[in-house]
Amino acid sequence: MSTPHDHEPHDELAQLEREHDELVASLPAHSVPAAMLLRIEALEDRIAELQAASAGDSGSSEED
């Protein structure tokens, strides 16, 4: 069985960055829904996690 996090981290990162960019671009000037802000924050947190994991992976892959 596959879970949403079984695919490549790079693919997930790109997808999350796209969703984040789309949400930010669609923010209304006034009366921003709280749910939208929470989703943006959650996306930013997950993007940061994936970037940190990617940075850790790239450093350990050169141990040959």
PDB file of N, CA and C in Angstrom:
ATOM      1  N   MET A   1       0.845  -1.194   0.000  1.00  0.00           N
ATOM      2  CA  MET A   1       0.000   0.000   0.000  1.00  0.00           C
ATOM      3  C   MET A   1       0.882   1.246   0.000  1.00  0.00           C
ATOM      4  N   SER A   2       0.462   2.224  -0.723  1.00  0.00           N
ATOM      5  CA  SER A   2       1.246   3.450  -0.749  1.00  0.00           C
ATOM      6  C   SER A   2       0.546   4.526   0.064  1.00  0.00           C
ATOM      7  N   THR A   3       1.347   5.369   0.677  1.00  0.00           N
ATOM      8  CA  THR A   3       0.834   6.496   1.434  1.00  0.00           C
ATOM      9  C   THR A   3       1.236   7.764   0.710  1.00  0.00           C
ATOM     10  N   PRO A   4       0.669   8.898   1.078  1.00  0.00           N
ATOM     11  CA  PRO A   4       1.026  10.139   0.384  1.00  0.00           C
ATOM     12  C   PRO A   4       2.508  10.470   0.456  1.00  0.00           C
ATOM     13  N   HIS A   5       3.221   9.908   1.437  1.00  0.00           N
ATOM     14  CA  HIS A   5       4.633  10.242   1.600  1.00  0.00           C
ATOM     15  C   HIS A   5       5.560   9.167   1.027  1.00  0.00           C
ATOM     16  N   ASP A   6       5.027   8.195   0.262  1.00  0.00           N
ATOM     17  CA  ASP A   6       5.843   7.139  -0.321  1.00  0.00           C
ATOM     18  C   ASP A   6       6.567   7.584  -1.590  1.00  0.00           C
ATOM     19  N   HIS A   7       6.096   8.633  -2.238  1.00  0.00           N
ATOM     20  CA  HIS A   7       6.737   9.051  -3.474  1.00  0.00           C
ATOM     21  C   HIS A   7       7.988   9.869  -3.182  1.00  0.00           C
ATOM     22  N   GLU A   8       8.684  10.224  -4.201  1.00  0.00           N
ATOM     23  CA  GLU A   8       9.950  10.932  -4.066  1.00  0.00           C
ATOM     24  C   GLU A   8       9.773  12.254  -3.313  1.00  0.00           C
ATOM     25  N   PRO A   9      10.652  12.548  -2.352  1.00  0.00           N
ATOM     26  CA  PRO A   9      10.555  13.810  -1.614  1.00  0.00           C
ATOM     27  C   PRO A   9      10.644  15.027  -2.531  1.00  0.00           C
ATOM     28  N   HIS A  10      11.446  14.928  -3.604  1.00  0.00           N
ATOM     29  CA  HIS A  10      11.567  16.052  -4.529  1.00  0.00           C
ATOM     30  C   HIS A  10      10.234  16.337  -5.211  1.00  0.00           C
ATOM     31  N   ASP A  11       9.511  15.273  -5.610  1.00  0.00           N
ATOM     32  CA  ASP A  11       8.203  15.443  -6.247  1.00  0.00           C
ATOM     33  C   ASP A  11       7.218  16.064  -5.273  1.00  0.00           C
ATOM     34  N   GLU A  12       7.236  15.583  -4.041  1.00  0.00           N
ATOM     35  CA  GLU A  12       6.331  16.129  -3.024  1.00  0.00           C
ATOM     36  C   GLU A  12       6.665  17.589  -2.758  1.00  0.00           C
ATOM     37  N   LEU A  13       7.944  17.897  -2.678  1.00  0.00           N
ATOM     38  CA  LEU A  13       8.374  19.267  -2.438  1.00  0.00           C
ATOM     39  C   LEU A  13       7.878  20.185  -3.550  1.00  0.00           C
ATOM     40  N   ALA A  14       8.058  19.781  -4.790  1.00  0.00           N
ATOM     41  CA  ALA A  14       7.615  20.599  -5.915  1.00  0.00           C
ATOM     42  C   ALA A  14       6.101  20.803  -5.879  1.00  0.00           C
ATOM     43  N   GLN A  15       5.372  19.752  -5.558  1.00  0.00           N
ATOM     44  CA  GLN A  15       3.912  19.844  -5.488  1.00  0.00           C
ATOM     45  C   GLN A  15       3.481  20.794  -4.366  1.00  0.00           C
ATOM     46  N   LEU A  16       4.113  20.673  -3.209  1.00  0.00           N
ATOM     47  CA  LEU A  16       3.769  21.541  -2.083  1.00  0.00           C
ATOM     48  C   LEU A  16       4.123  22.995  -2.373  1.00  0.00           C
ATOM     49  N   GLU A  17       5.252  23.221  -3.023  1.00  0.00           N
ATOM     50  CA  GLU A  17       5.637  24.594  -3.375  1.00  0.00           C
ATOM     51  C   GLU A  17       4.650  25.201  -4.359  1.00  0.00           C
ATOM     52  N   ARG A  18       4.186  24.390  -5.320  1.00  0.00           N
ATOM     53  CA  ARG A  18       3.172  24.873  -6.273  1.00  0.00           C
ATOM     54  C   ARG A  18       1.883  25.253  -5.546  1.00  0.00           C
ATOM     55  N   GLU A  19       1.429  24.362  -4.670  1.00  0.00           N
ATOM     56  CA  GLU A  19       0.198  24.637  -3.924  1.00  0.00           C
ATOM     57  C   GLU A  19       0.356  25.894  -3.070  1.00  0.00           C
ATOM     58  N   HIS A  20       1.510  26.030  -2.418  1.00  0.00           N
ATOM     59  CA  HIS A  20       1.778  27.212  -1.597  1.00  0.00           C
ATOM     60  C   HIS A  20       1.720  28.478  -2.443  1.00  0.00           C
ATOM     61  N   ASP A  21       2.396  28.463  -3.585  1.00  0.00           N
ATOM     62  CA  ASP A  21       2.419  29.633  -4.465  1.00  0.00           C
ATOM     63  C   ASP A  21       1.013  30.002  -4.939  1.00  0.00           C
ATOM     64  N   GLU A  22       0.217  28.984  -5.283  1.00  0.00           N
ATOM     65  CA  GLU A  22      -1.150  29.231  -5.741  1.00  0.00           C
ATOM     66  C   GLU A  22      -2.002  29.839  -4.624  1.00  0.00           C
ATOM     67  N   LEU A  23      -1.851  29.313  -3.412  1.00  0.00           N
ATOM     68  CA  LEU A  23      -2.619  29.856  -2.287  1.00  0.00           C
ATOM     69  C   LEU A  23      -2.222  31.296  -1.991  1.00  0.00           C
ATOM     70  N   VAL A  24      -0.934  31.571  -1.960  1.00  0.00           N
ATOM     71  CA  VAL A  24      -0.468  32.928  -1.681  1.00  0.00           C
ATOM     72  C   VAL A  24      -0.964  33.890  -2.760  1.00  0.00           C
ATOM     73  N   ALA A  25      -0.922  33.458  -4.002  1.00  0.00           N
ATOM     74  CA  ALA A  25      -1.387  34.313  -5.097  1.00  0.00           C
ATOM     75  C   ALA A  25      -2.888  34.578  -5.015  1.00  0.00           C
ATOM     76  N   SER A  26      -3.627  33.662  -4.418  1.00  0.00           N
ATOM     77  CA  SER A  26      -5.076  33.826  -4.358  1.00  0.00           C
ATOM     78  C   SER A  26      -5.559  34.475  -3.059  1.00  0.00           C
ATOM     79  N   LEU A  27      -4.628  34.897  -2.204  1.00  0.00           N
ATOM     80  CA  LEU A  27      -5.030  35.551  -0.959  1.00  0.00           C
ATOM     81  C   LEU A  27      -5.798  36.835  -1.260  1.00  0.00           C
ATOM     82  N   PRO A  28      -6.959  37.002  -0.648  1.00  0.00           N
ATOM     83  CA  PRO A  28      -7.682  38.262  -0.829  1.00  0.00           C
ATOM     84  C   PRO A  28      -6.987  39.392  -0.071  1.00  0.00           C
ATOM     85  N   ALA A  29      -7.195  40.611  -0.501  1.00  0.00           N
ATOM     86  CA  ALA A  29      -6.554  41.755   0.136  1.00  0.00           C
ATOM     87  C   ALA A  29      -7.085  41.979   1.551  1.00  0.00           C
ATOM     88  N   HIS A  30      -8.335  41.626   1.770  1.00  0.00           N
ATOM     89  CA  HIS A  30      -8.971  41.829   3.073  1.00  0.00           C
ATOM     90  C   HIS A  30      -9.721  40.576   3.473  1.00  0.00           C
ATOM     91  N   SER A  31      -9.936  40.406   4.738  1.00  0.00           N
ATOM     92  CA  SER A  31     -10.728  39.305   5.289  1.00  0.00           C
ATOM     93  C   SER A  31     -10.236  37.943   4.820  1.00  0.00           C
ATOM     94  N   VAL A  32      -8.977  37.676   5.085  1.00  0.00           N
ATOM     95  CA  VAL A  32      -8.383  36.402   4.707  1.00  0.00           C
ATOM     96  C   VAL A  32      -8.950  35.304   5.611  1.00  0.00           C
ATOM     97  N   PRO A  33      -9.487  34.231   5.023  1.00  0.00           N
ATOM     98  CA  PRO A  33     -10.020  33.142   5.851  1.00  0.00           C
ATOM     99  C   PRO A  33      -8.912  32.488   6.688  1.00  0.00           C
ATOM    100  N   ALA A  34      -9.243  32.222   7.938  1.00  0.00           N
ATOM    101  CA  ALA A  34      -8.265  31.611   8.845  1.00  0.00           C
ATOM    102  C   ALA A  34      -7.789  30.261   8.325  1.00  0.00           C
ATOM    103  N   ALA A  35      -8.690  29.506   7.733  1.00  0.00           N
ATOM    104  CA  ALA A  35      -8.320  28.188   7.212  1.00  0.00           C
ATOM    105  C   ALA A  35      -7.248  28.304   6.123  1.00  0.00           C
ATOM    106  N   MET A  36      -7.316  29.367   5.338  1.00  0.00           N
ATOM    107  CA  MET A  36      -6.334  29.574   4.271  1.00  0.00           C
ATOM    108  C   MET A  36      -4.961  29.862   4.878  1.00  0.00           C
ATOM    109  N   LEU A  37      -4.936  30.681   5.905  1.00  0.00           N
ATOM    110  CA  LEU A  37      -3.666  30.995   6.565  1.00  0.00           C
ATOM    111  C   LEU A  37      -3.080  29.758   7.240  1.00  0.00           C
ATOM    112  N   LEU A  38      -3.939  28.957   7.847  1.00  0.00           N
ATOM    113  CA  LEU A  38      -3.459  27.726   8.486  1.00  0.00           C
ATOM    114  C   LEU A  38      -2.900  26.758   7.454  1.00  0.00           C
ATOM    115  N   ARG A  39      -3.532  26.659   6.292  1.00  0.00           N
ATOM    116  CA  ARG A  39      -3.039  25.765   5.238  1.00  0.00           C
ATOM    117  C   ARG A  39      -1.687  26.251   4.724  1.00  0.00           C
ATOM    118  N   ILE A  40      -1.542  27.544   4.544  1.00  0.00           N
ATOM    119  CA  ILE A  40      -0.263  28.102   4.095  1.00  0.00           C
ATOM    120  C   ILE A  40       0.826  27.801   5.123  1.00  0.00           C
ATOM    121  N   GLU A  41       0.500  27.964   6.389  1.00  0.00           N
ATOM    122  CA  GLU A  41       1.485  27.676   7.445  1.00  0.00           C
ATOM    123  C   GLU A  41       1.865  26.195   7.458  1.00  0.00           C
ATOM    124  N   ALA A  42       0.888  25.336   7.297  1.00  0.00           N
ATOM    125  CA  ALA A  42       1.164  23.894   7.267  1.00  0.00           C
ATOM    126  C   ALA A  42       2.037  23.535   6.067  1.00  0.00           C
ATOM    127  N   LEU A  43       1.754  24.140   4.924  1.00  0.00           N
ATOM    128  CA  LEU A  43       2.572  23.896   3.733  1.00  0.00           C
ATOM    129  C   LEU A  43       4.005  24.364   3.964  1.00  0.00           C
ATOM    130  N   GLU A  44       4.161  25.541   4.550  1.00  0.00           N
ATOM    131  CA  GLU A  44       5.497  26.068   4.809  1.00  0.00           C
ATOM    132  C   GLU A  44       6.272  25.157   5.762  1.00  0.00           C
ATOM    133  N   ASP A  45       5.583  24.626   6.774  1.00  0.00           N
ATOM    134  CA  ASP A  45       6.238  23.714   7.711  1.00  0.00           C
ATOM    135  C   ASP A  45       6.699  22.444   6.998  1.00  0.00           C
ATOM    136  N   ARG A  46       5.846  21.856   6.179  1.00  0.00           N
ATOM    137  CA  ARG A  46       6.188  20.615   5.467  1.00  0.00           C
ATOM    138  C   ARG A  46       7.301  20.869   4.452  1.00  0.00           C
ATOM    139  N   ILE A  47       7.244  21.997   3.761  1.00  0.00           N
ATOM    140  CA  ILE A  47       8.297  22.349   2.800  1.00  0.00           C
ATOM    141  C   ILE A  47       9.641  22.456   3.528  1.00  0.00           C
ATOM    142  N   ALA A  48       9.646  23.101   4.687  1.00  0.00           N
ATOM    143  CA  ALA A  48      10.877  23.241   5.476  1.00  0.00           C
ATOM    144  C   ALA A  48      11.397  21.875   5.917  1.00  0.00           C
ATOM    145  N   GLU A  49      10.492  20.979   6.324  1.00  0.00           N
ATOM    146  CA  GLU A  49      10.902  19.626   6.719  1.00  0.00           C
ATOM    147  C   GLU A  49      11.567  18.900   5.560  1.00  0.00           C
ATOM    148  N   LEU A  50      10.957  18.971   4.390  1.00  0.00           N
ATOM    149  CA  LEU A  50      11.501  18.274   3.223  1.00  0.00           C
ATOM    150  C   LEU A  50      12.836  18.868   2.793  1.00  0.00           C
ATOM    151  N   GLN A  51      12.950  20.186   2.861  1.00  0.00           N
ATOM    152  CA  GLN A  51      14.215  20.823   2.494  1.00  0.00           C
ATOM    153  C   GLN A  51      15.314  20.441   3.475  1.00  0.00           C
ATOM    154  N   ALA A  52      14.991  20.370   4.762  1.00  0.00           N
ATOM    155  CA  ALA A  52      15.981  19.976   5.753  1.00  0.00           C
ATOM    156  C   ALA A  52      16.402  18.524   5.543  1.00  0.00           C
ATOM    157  N   ALA A  53      15.440  17.665   5.256  1.00  0.00           N
ATOM    158  CA  ALA A  53      15.750  16.258   5.008  1.00  0.00           C
ATOM    159  C   ALA A  53      16.597  16.118   3.750  1.00  0.00           C
ATOM    160  N   SER A  54      16.276  16.898   2.749  1.00  0.00           N
ATOM    161  CA  SER A  54      17.028  16.860   1.494  1.00  0.00           C
ATOM    162  C   SER A  54      18.460  17.338   1.713  1.00  0.00           C
ATOM    163  N   ALA A  55      18.627  18.363   2.518  1.00  0.00           N
ATOM    164  CA  ALA A  55      19.971  18.867   2.811  1.00  0.00           C
ATOM    165  C   ALA A  55      20.775  17.820   3.575  1.00  0.00           C
ATOM    166  N   GLY A  56      20.130  17.112   4.483  1.00  0.00           N
ATOM    167  CA  GLY A  56      20.807  16.051   5.231  1.00  0.00           C
ATOM    168  C   GLY A  56      21.165  14.887   4.357  1.00  0.00           C
ATOM    169  N   ASP A  57      20.285  14.529   3.428  1.00  0.00           N
ATOM    170  CA  ASP A  57      20.543  13.416   2.516  1.00  0.00           C
ATOM    171  C   ASP A  57      21.679  13.719   1.557  1.00  0.00           C
ATOM    172  N   SER A  58      21.747  14.930   1.073  1.00  0.00           N
ATOM    173  CA  SER A  58      22.769  15.257   0.076  1.00  0.00           C
ATOM    174  C   SER A  58      24.164  15.224   0.698  1.00  0.00           C
ATOM    175  N   GLY A  59      24.268  15.529   1.970  1.00  0.00           N
ATOM    176  CA  GLY A  59      25.568  15.497   2.636  1.00  0.00           C
ATOM    177  C   GLY A  59      26.049  14.095   2.915  1.00  0.00           C
ATOM    178  N   SER A  60      25.133  13.164   3.145  1.00  0.00           N
ATOM    179  CA  SER A  60      25.538  11.813   3.503  1.00  0.00           C
ATOM    180  C   SER A  60      25.706  10.907   2.288  1.00  0.00           C
ATOM    181  N   SER A  61      25.270  11.351   1.130  1.00  0.00           N
ATOM    182  CA  SER A  61      25.347  10.499  -0.053  1.00  0.00           C
ATOM    183  C   SER A  61      26.730  10.515  -0.704  1.00  0.00           C
ATOM    184  N   GLU A  62      27.618  11.380  -0.241  1.00  0.00           N
ATOM    185  CA  GLU A  62      28.940  11.479  -0.838  1.00  0.00           C
ATOM    186  C   GLU A  62      30.006  10.775  -0.018  1.00  0.00           C
ATOM    187  N   GLU A  63      29.619   9.721   0.724  1.00  0.00           N
ATOM    188  CA  GLU A  63      30.565   9.025   1.578  1.00  0.00           C
ATOM    189  C   GLU A  63      31.286   7.894   0.876  1.00  0.00           C
ATOM    190  N   ASP A  64      31.158   7.747  -0.416  1.00  0.00           N
ATOM    191  CA  ASP A  64      31.786   6.646  -1.161  1.00  0.00           C
ATOM    192  C   ASP A  64      33.276   6.682  -1.078  1.00  0.00           C
TER     193      ASP A  64
END
